[in-house]
C-alpha atoms as a PDB file:
ATOM      1  CA  UNK A   1       1.463 -16.496  26.054  1.00  0.00           C
ATOM      2  CA  UNK A   2       3.291 -16.247  29.372  1.00  0.00           C
ATOM      3  CA  UNK A   3       1.430 -17.127  32.557  1.00  0.00           C
ATOM      4  CA  UNK A   4       2.472 -13.807  34.096  1.00  0.00           C
ATOM      5  CA  UNK A   5       1.049 -11.752  31.228  1.00  0.00           C
ATOM      6  CA  UNK A   6      -2.152 -13.777  31.221  1.00  0.00           C
ATOM      7  CA  UNK A   7      -2.504 -13.159  34.947  1.00  0.00           C
ATOM      8  CA  UNK A   8      -2.036  -9.416  34.441  1.00  0.00           C
ATOM      9  CA  UNK A   9      -4.749  -9.361  31.777  1.00  0.00           C
ATOM     10  CA  UNK A  10      -7.076 -11.375  33.988  1.00  0.00           C
ATOM     11  CA  UNK A  11      -6.579  -8.811  36.746  1.00  0.00           C
ATOM     12  CA  UNK A  12      -7.681  -5.923  34.503  1.00  0.00           C
ATOM     13  CA  UNK A  13     -11.209  -4.752  35.317  1.00  0.00           C
ATOM     14  CA  UNK A  14     -13.389  -6.112  32.463  1.00  0.00           C
ATOM     15  CA  UNK A  15     -15.576  -3.006  32.467  1.00  0.00           C
ATOM     16  CA  UNK A  16     -12.524  -0.717  32.234  1.00  0.00           C
ATOM     17  CA  UNK A  17     -11.101  -2.827  29.410  1.00  0.00           C
ATOM     18  CA  UNK A  18     -14.388  -2.629  27.515  1.00  0.00           C
ATOM     19  CA  UNK A  19     -14.363   1.164  27.827  1.00  0.00           C
ATOM     20  CA  UNK A  20     -10.817   1.249  26.450  1.00  0.00           C
ATOM     21  CA  UNK A  21     -11.853  -0.905  23.505  1.00  0.00           C
ATOM     22  CA  UNK A  22     -14.800   1.399  22.829  1.00  0.00           C
ATOM     23  CA  UNK A  23     -12.566   4.456  22.963  1.00  0.00           C
ATOM     24  CA  UNK A  24     -10.100   2.897  20.520  1.00  0.00           C
ATOM     25  CA  UNK A  25     -12.968   2.090  18.150  1.00  0.00           C
ATOM     26  CA  UNK A  26     -14.468   5.591  18.461  1.00  0.00           C
ATOM     27  CA  UNK A  27     -11.198   7.405  17.718  1.00  0.00           C
ATOM     28  CA  UNK A  28     -10.361   5.046  14.855  1.00  0.00           C
ATOM     29  CA  UNK A  29     -13.751   5.600  13.250  1.00  0.00           C
ATOM     30  CA  UNK A  30     -13.383   9.364  13.636  1.00  0.00           C
ATOM     31  CA  UNK A  31     -10.087   9.311  11.752  1.00  0.00           C
ATOM     32  CA  UNK A  32     -11.640   7.299   8.918  1.00  0.00           C
ATOM     33  CA  UNK A  33     -14.729   9.508   8.723  1.00  0.00           C
ATOM     34  CA  UNK A  34     -12.573  12.641   8.519  1.00  0.00           C
ATOM     35  CA  UNK A  35     -10.629  11.202   5.580  1.00  0.00           C
ATOM     36  CA  UNK A  36      -7.397  10.717   7.512  1.00  0.00           C
ATOM     37  CA  UNK A  37      -7.002   7.066   6.522  1.00  0.00           C
ATOM     38  CA  UNK A  38      -8.255   4.822   3.703  1.00  0.00           C
ATOM     39  CA  UNK A  39      -9.120   1.158   3.319  1.00  0.00           C
ATOM     40  CA  UNK A  40      -7.629  -1.093   5.978  1.00  0.00           C
ATOM     41  CA  UNK A  41      -4.610   1.160   6.492  1.00  0.00           C
ATOM     42  CA  UNK A  42      -3.416   2.711   9.724  1.00  0.00           C
ATOM     43  CA  UNK A  43      -3.434   1.452  13.283  1.00  0.00           C
ATOM     44  CA  UNK A  44      -3.950   3.047  16.676  1.00  0.00           C
ATOM     45  CA  UNK A  45      -3.099   1.723  20.106  1.00  0.00           C
ATOM     46  CA  UNK A  46      -3.136   2.582  23.790  1.00  0.00           C
ATOM     47  CA  UNK A  47      -1.361   1.440  26.908  1.00  0.00           C
ATOM     48  CA  UNK A  48      -3.685  -0.296  29.366  1.00  0.00           C
ATOM     49  CA  UNK A  49      -3.192   1.877  32.478  1.00  0.00           C
ATOM     50  CA  UNK A  50      -1.239   0.304  35.314  1.00  0.00           C
ATOM     51  CA  UNK A  51       0.115  -2.512  33.137  1.00  0.00           C
ATOM     52  CA  UNK A  52       2.697  -3.257  30.470  1.00  0.00           C
ATOM     53  CA  UNK A  53      -0.052  -4.384  28.114  1.00  0.00           C
ATOM     54  CA  UNK A  54      -1.114  -2.705  24.876  1.00  0.00           C
ATOM     55  CA  UNK A  55      -4.500  -2.609  23.157  1.00  0.00           C
ATOM     56  CA  UNK A  56      -4.184  -2.257  19.377  1.00  0.00           C
ATOM     57  CA  UNK A  57      -6.258  -2.631  16.201  1.00  0.00           C
ATOM     58  CA  UNK A  58      -6.317  -6.108  14.696  1.00  0.00           C
ATOM     59  CA  UNK A  59      -4.770  -6.623  11.291  1.00  0.00           C
ATOM     60  CA  UNK A  60      -6.776  -6.294   8.089  1.00  0.00           C
ATOM     61  CA  UNK A  61      -9.779  -4.398   9.428  1.00  0.00           C
ATOM     62  CA  UNK A  62     -11.025  -1.016   8.221  1.00  0.00           C
ATOM     63  CA  UNK A  63     -10.979   1.671  10.888  1.00  0.00           C
ATOM     64  CA  UNK A  64     -14.305   2.951   9.588  1.00  0.00           C
ATOM     65  CA  UNK A  65     -15.956  -0.432  10.245  1.00  0.00           C
ATOM     66  CA  UNK A  66     -14.254  -1.256  13.535  1.00  0.00           C
ATOM     67  CA  UNK A  67     -16.017  -2.631  16.562  1.00  0.00           C
ATOM     68  CA  UNK A  68     -14.615  -3.869  19.859  1.00  0.00           C
ATOM     69  CA  UNK A  69     -13.964  -7.320  18.383  1.00  0.00           C
ATOM     70  CA  UNK A  70     -11.369  -5.664  16.114  1.00  0.00           C
ATOM     71  CA  UNK A  71      -9.068  -4.874  19.045  1.00  0.00           C
ATOM     72  CA  UNK A  72      -6.514  -7.168  20.653  1.00  0.00           C
ATOM     73  CA  UNK A  73      -4.362  -7.118  23.780  1.00  0.00           C
ATOM     74  CA  UNK A  74      -0.677  -7.943  23.545  1.00  0.00           C
ATOM     75  CA  UNK A  75       2.448  -7.649  25.647  1.00  0.00           C
ATOM     76  CA  UNK A  76       5.311  -5.249  25.007  1.00  0.00           C
ATOM     77  CA  UNK A  77       7.121  -8.208  23.416  1.00  0.00           C
ATOM     78  CA  UNK A  78       4.273  -8.833  20.983  1.00  0.00           C
ATOM     79  CA  UNK A  79       2.751 -11.872  22.681  1.00  0.00           C
ATOM     80  CA  UNK A  80      -0.956 -11.984  21.802  1.00  0.00           C
ATOM     81  CA  UNK A  81      -3.107 -12.502  24.899  1.00  0.00           C
ATOM     82  CA  UNK A  82      -6.367 -13.129  23.050  1.00  0.00           C
ATOM     83  CA  UNK A  83      -6.105 -16.321  20.974  1.00  0.00           C
ATOM     84  CA  UNK A  84      -7.512 -16.188  17.484  1.00  0.00           C
ATOM     85  CA  UNK A  85      -6.695 -12.534  16.937  1.00  0.00           C
ATOM     86  CA  UNK A  86      -3.706 -11.003  15.123  1.00  0.00           C
ATOM     87  CA  UNK A  87      -2.437  -7.487  15.822  1.00  0.00           C
ATOM     88  CA  UNK A  88      -1.555  -4.910  13.181  1.00  0.00           C
ATOM     89  CA  UNK A  89       1.775  -5.664  11.566  1.00  0.00           C
ATOM     90  CA  UNK A  90       3.037  -2.318  12.905  1.00  0.00           C
ATOM     91  CA  UNK A  91       2.872  -3.567  16.507  1.00  0.00           C
ATOM     92  CA  UNK A  92       6.671  -3.599  16.814  1.00  0.00           C
ATOM     93  CA  UNK A  93       7.128   0.152  16.760  1.00  0.00           C
ATOM     94  CA  UNK A  94       3.968   0.804  18.759  1.00  0.00           C
ATOM     95  CA  UNK A  95       5.243  -1.299  21.653  1.00  0.00           C
ATOM     96  CA  UNK A  96       8.776   0.050  21.225  1.00  0.00           C
ATOM     97  CA  UNK A  97       7.533   3.619  21.703  1.00  0.00           C
ATOM     98  CA  UNK A  98       5.794   2.595  24.935  1.00  0.00           C
ATOM     99  CA  UNK A  99       8.987   0.973  26.187  1.00  0.00           C
ATOM    100  CA  UNK A 100      11.142   4.060  25.655  1.00  0.00           C
ATOM    101  CA  UNK A 101       8.486   6.647  26.495  1.00  0.00           C
ATOM    102  CA  UNK A 102       6.761   6.016  29.846  1.00  0.00           C
ATOM    103  CA  UNK A 103       4.928   9.330  29.333  1.00  0.00           C
ATOM    104  CA  UNK A 104       3.140   7.974  26.245  1.00  0.00           C
ATOM    105  CA  UNK A 105      -0.273   6.426  26.808  1.00  0.00           C
ATOM    106  CA  UNK A 106      -1.361   6.171  23.173  1.00  0.00           C
ATOM    107  CA  UNK A 107      -0.014   6.032  19.623  1.00  0.00           C
ATOM    108  CA  UNK A 108      -1.983   7.078  16.532  1.00  0.00           C
ATOM    109  CA  UNK A 109      -0.893   6.070  13.026  1.00  0.00           C
ATOM    110  CA  UNK A 110      -2.994   7.420  10.155  1.00  0.00           C
ATOM    111  CA  UNK A 111      -2.456   8.429   6.501  1.00  0.00           C
ATOM    112  CA  UNK A 112      -3.711  12.050   6.334  1.00  0.00           C
ATOM    113  CA  UNK A 113      -3.357  13.173   2.703  1.00  0.00           C
ATOM    114  CA  UNK A 114      -1.823  16.646   3.073  1.00  0.00           C
ATOM    115  CA  UNK A 115       0.770  15.368   5.528  1.00  0.00           C
ATOM    116  CA  UNK A 116       1.488  12.351   3.325  1.00  0.00           C
ATOM    117  CA  UNK A 117       1.895  14.694   0.331  1.00  0.00           C
ATOM    118  CA  UNK A 118       4.825  16.289   2.152  1.00  0.00           C
ATOM    119  CA  UNK A 119       6.155  12.844   3.087  1.00  0.00           C
ATOM    120  CA  UNK A 120       5.996  11.718  -0.553  1.00  0.00           C
ATOM    121  CA  UNK A 121       7.903  14.863  -1.556  1.00  0.00           C
ATOM    122  CA  UNK A 122      10.404  14.032   1.220  1.00  0.00           C
ATOM    123  CA  UNK A 123       9.792  17.397   2.862  1.00  0.00           C
ATOM    124  CA  UNK A 124       8.873  18.360   6.393  1.00  0.00           C
ATOM    125  CA  UNK A 125       6.315  21.184   6.409  1.00  0.00           C
ATOM    126  CA  UNK A 126       7.084  24.330   8.314  1.00  0.00           C
ATOM    127  CA  UNK A 127       4.874  24.942  11.295  1.00  0.00           C
ATOM    128  CA  UNK A 128       2.775  27.771   9.935  1.00  0.00           C
ATOM    129  CA  UNK A 129       0.091  28.507  12.507  1.00  0.00           C
ATOM    130  CA  UNK A 130      -0.164  28.984  16.236  1.00  0.00           C
ATOM    131  CA  UNK A 131      -2.322  25.916  16.943  1.00  0.00           C
ATOM    132  CA  UNK A 132       0.272  23.564  15.454  1.00  0.00           C
ATOM    133  CA  UNK A 133       3.037  25.527  17.151  1.00  0.00           C
ATOM    134  CA  UNK A 134       1.415  24.853  20.510  1.00  0.00           C
ATOM    135  CA  UNK A 135       0.244  21.274  20.013  1.00  0.00           C
ATOM    136  CA  UNK A 136       2.739  19.802  17.538  1.00  0.00           C
ATOM    137  CA  UNK A 137       5.822  21.941  18.291  1.00  0.00           C
ATOM    138  CA  UNK A 138       8.104  20.182  15.787  1.00  0.00           C
ATOM    139  CA  UNK A 139       7.942  17.550  13.057  1.00  0.00           C
ATOM    140  CA  UNK A 140      10.465  14.832  12.182  1.00  0.00           C
ATOM    141  CA  UNK A 141      10.688  12.495   9.170  1.00  0.00           C
ATOM    142  CA  UNK A 142      11.146   8.709   9.299  1.00  0.00           C
ATOM    143  CA  UNK A 143      12.968   7.362   6.244  1.00  0.00           C
ATOM    144  CA  UNK A 144      11.338   4.841   3.908  1.00  0.00           C
ATOM    145  CA  UNK A 145      11.536   1.289   5.270  1.00  0.00           C
ATOM    146  CA  UNK A 146       9.265  -1.758   4.860  1.00  0.00           C
ATOM    147  CA  UNK A 147       6.038  -1.475   6.855  1.00  0.00           C
ATOM    148  CA  UNK A 148       6.043  -3.694   9.921  1.00  0.00           C
ATOM    149  CA  UNK A 149       9.746  -4.460   9.657  1.00  0.00           C
ATOM    150  CA  UNK A 150      12.142  -4.643  12.606  1.00  0.00           C
ATOM    151  CA  UNK A 151      14.304  -2.062  10.805  1.00  0.00           C
ATOM    152  CA  UNK A 152      11.426   0.432  10.754  1.00  0.00           C
ATOM    153  CA  UNK A 153      10.726  -0.236  14.427  1.00  0.00           C
ATOM    154  CA  UNK A 154      14.383   0.401  15.273  1.00  0.00           C
ATOM    155  CA  UNK A 155      14.440   3.779  13.508  1.00  0.00           C
ATOM    156  CA  UNK A 156      11.146   4.911  15.043  1.00  0.00           C
ATOM    157  CA  UNK A 157      12.272   3.798  18.497  1.00  0.00           C
ATOM    158  CA  UNK A 158      15.454   5.845  18.259  1.00  0.00           C
ATOM    159  CA  UNK A 159      13.544   8.889  17.030  1.00  0.00           C
ATOM    160  CA  UNK A 160      10.862   8.776  19.716  1.00  0.00           C
ATOM    161  CA  UNK A 161      13.437   8.200  22.441  1.00  0.00           C
ATOM    162  CA  UNK A 162      13.505  11.993  22.388  1.00  0.00           C
ATOM    163  CA  UNK A 163      11.008  12.715  25.138  1.00  0.00           C
ATOM    164  CA  UNK A 164       9.906  15.992  23.532  1.00  0.00           C
ATOM    165  CA  UNK A 165       8.898  14.521  20.166  1.00  0.00           C
ATOM    166  CA  UNK A 166       5.148  14.368  19.571  1.00  0.00           C
ATOM    167  CA  UNK A 167       4.701  13.742  15.844  1.00  0.00           C
ATOM    168  CA  UNK A 168       6.571  12.416  12.829  1.00  0.00           C
ATOM    169  CA  UNK A 169       5.982  11.844   9.137  1.00  0.00           C
ATOM    170  CA  UNK A 170       6.794   8.457   7.605  1.00  0.00           C
ATOM    171  CA  UNK A 171       8.317   8.774   4.141  1.00  0.00           C
ATOM    172  CA  UNK A 172       5.727   7.812   1.475  1.00  0.00           C
ATOM    173  CA  UNK A 173       3.585   6.282   4.207  1.00  0.00           C
ATOM    174  CA  UNK A 174       1.749   8.152   6.953  1.00  0.00           C
ATOM    175  CA  UNK A 175       2.060   9.866  10.302  1.00  0.00           C
ATOM    176  CA  UNK A 176       2.804   8.967  13.912  1.00  0.00           C
ATOM    177  CA  UNK A 177       1.442  10.964  16.823  1.00  0.00           C
ATOM    178  CA  UNK A 178       1.872  10.175  20.507  1.00  0.00           C
ATOM    179  CA  UNK A 179       0.290  11.536  23.645  1.00  0.00           C
ATOM    180  CA  UNK A 180      -0.535  10.796  27.267  1.00  0.00           C
ATOM    181  CA  UNK A 181      -3.943   9.502  26.157  1.00  0.00           C
ATOM    182  CA  UNK A 182      -5.656   8.471  22.941  1.00  0.00           C
ATOM    183  CA  UNK A 183      -7.599  11.685  22.324  1.00  0.00           C
ATOM    184  CA  UNK A 184      -4.530  13.863  22.772  1.00  0.00           C
ATOM    185  CA  UNK A 185      -2.493  11.691  20.401  1.00  0.00           C
ATOM    186  CA  UNK A 186      -5.309  11.749  17.853  1.00  0.00           C
ATOM    187  CA  UNK A 187      -5.827  15.519  18.044  1.00  0.00           C
ATOM    188  CA  UNK A 188      -2.105  16.004  17.439  1.00  0.00           C
ATOM    189  CA  UNK A 189      -2.637  14.164  14.148  1.00  0.00           C
ATOM    190  CA  UNK A 190      -5.446  16.575  13.285  1.00  0.00           C
ATOM    191  CA  UNK A 191      -3.244  19.582  14.102  1.00  0.00           C
ATOM    192  CA  UNK A 192      -0.408  18.076  12.044  1.00  0.00           C
ATOM    193  CA  UNK A 193      -2.727  17.565   9.066  1.00  0.00           C
ATOM    194  CA  UNK A 194      -4.317  21.005   9.362  1.00  0.00           C
ATOM    195  CA  UNK A 195      -0.855  22.564   9.459  1.00  0.00           C
ATOM    196  CA  UNK A 196       0.186  20.673   6.308  1.00  0.00           C
ATOM    197  CA  UNK A 197      -3.019  21.722   4.526  1.00  0.00           C
ATOM    198  CA  UNK A 198      -2.633  25.393   5.454  1.00  0.00           C
ATOM    199  CA  UNK A 199       1.062  25.328   4.470  1.00  0.00           C
ATOM    200  CA  UNK A 200       0.122  24.082   0.993  1.00  0.00           C
ATOM    201  CA  UNK A 201      -2.687  26.619   0.600  1.00  0.00           C
ATOM    202  CA  UNK A 202      -0.473  29.482   1.785  1.00  0.00           C
ATOM    203  CA  UNK A 203       2.243  28.442  -0.677  1.00  0.00           C
ATOM    204  CA  UNK A 204      -0.296  28.483  -3.498  1.00  0.00           C
ATOM    205  CA  UNK A 205      -1.462  31.975  -2.559  1.00  0.00           C
ATOM    206  CA  UNK A 206       2.094  33.225  -2.249  1.00  0.00           C
ATOM    207  CA  UNK A 207       2.932  31.815  -5.694  1.00  0.00           C
ATOM    208  CA  UNK A 208       0.306  34.012  -7.378  1.00  0.00           C
ATOM    209  CA  UNK A 209       1.145  37.698  -7.580  1.00  0.00           C
ATOM    210  CA  UNK A 210      -1.706  40.235  -7.375  1.00  0.00           C
ATOM    211  CA  UNK A 211      -1.238  40.942 -11.102  1.00  0.00           C
ATOM    212  CA  UNK A 212      -1.856  37.290 -11.938  1.00  0.00           C
ATOM    213  CA  UNK A 213      -5.013  36.837  -9.906  1.00  0.00           C
ATOM    214  CA  UNK A 214      -8.013  35.860 -11.957  1.00  0.00           C
ATOM    215  CA  UNK A 215     -10.004  38.906 -13.086  1.00  0.00           C
ATOM    216  CA  UNK A 216     -13.747  38.599 -13.115  1.00  0.00           C
ATOM    217  CA  UNK A 217     -15.707  39.883 -16.092  1.00  0.00           C
ATOM    218  CA  UNK A 218     -16.716  43.515 -15.636  1.00  0.00           C
ATOM    219  CA  UNK A 219     -20.390  43.913 -14.756  1.00  0.00           C
ATOM    220  CA  UNK A 220     -21.616  46.971 -16.658  1.00  0.00           C
ATOM    221  CA  UNK A 221     -24.891  47.132 -14.747  1.00  0.00           C
ATOM    222  CA  UNK A 222     -24.191  45.818 -11.255  1.00  0.00           C
ATOM    223  CA  UNK A 223     -27.484  47.034  -9.817  1.00  0.00           C
ATOM    224  CA  UNK A 224     -29.772  46.064 -12.678  1.00  0.00           C
ATOM    225  CA  UNK A 225     -32.709  43.868 -11.713  1.00  0.00           C
ATOM    226  CA  UNK A 226     -33.208  40.505 -13.348  1.00  0.00           C
ATOM    227  CA  UNK A 227     -35.545  40.616 -16.316  1.00  0.00           C
END
């Protein structure tokens, strides 16, 4: 831990930092409760305003069970400023996004099933409804690389260097959404997942011609009262 970074953390208002921890916990729990991540997977983070410090989920904890103790502050270089805690192994690409995108205040990484279904099939879903068109705008795909690896961080950094990119799928893995704040980044994940779900449902409807729709049995006495 550098003395400079420790001094910056010490200068952060403790009450403000506690509120940030609580917000990170609240959003993480919401994602788990909505079925957007399972087990101990996924990791969300935010930039501590006015600093080059990042608050991120600790490794190995379930987002559904998180409390403020399951958050940790680190520098953009990955130096942990709270001894005894370890950040998510994905910290490299979280901090890299903050370095190349000064407009980004938060990063959300979840495993929403409909979006991941497209990522497993190595396909990027079309944007099929107006909400996603407005909030997501476009979707990119990150190729399959080991989770937490420097190679993965390098690819994600290059991709998110595009200042217009808001969301991406990770091949056979999950999703990345960024935003100016944590709620915006999280809601972009919800819009991404809803778009993927609707795209799949619309494809299923389109695949069934009217002649092939299931026919219900004919009711010969539709107005008869029950005996």
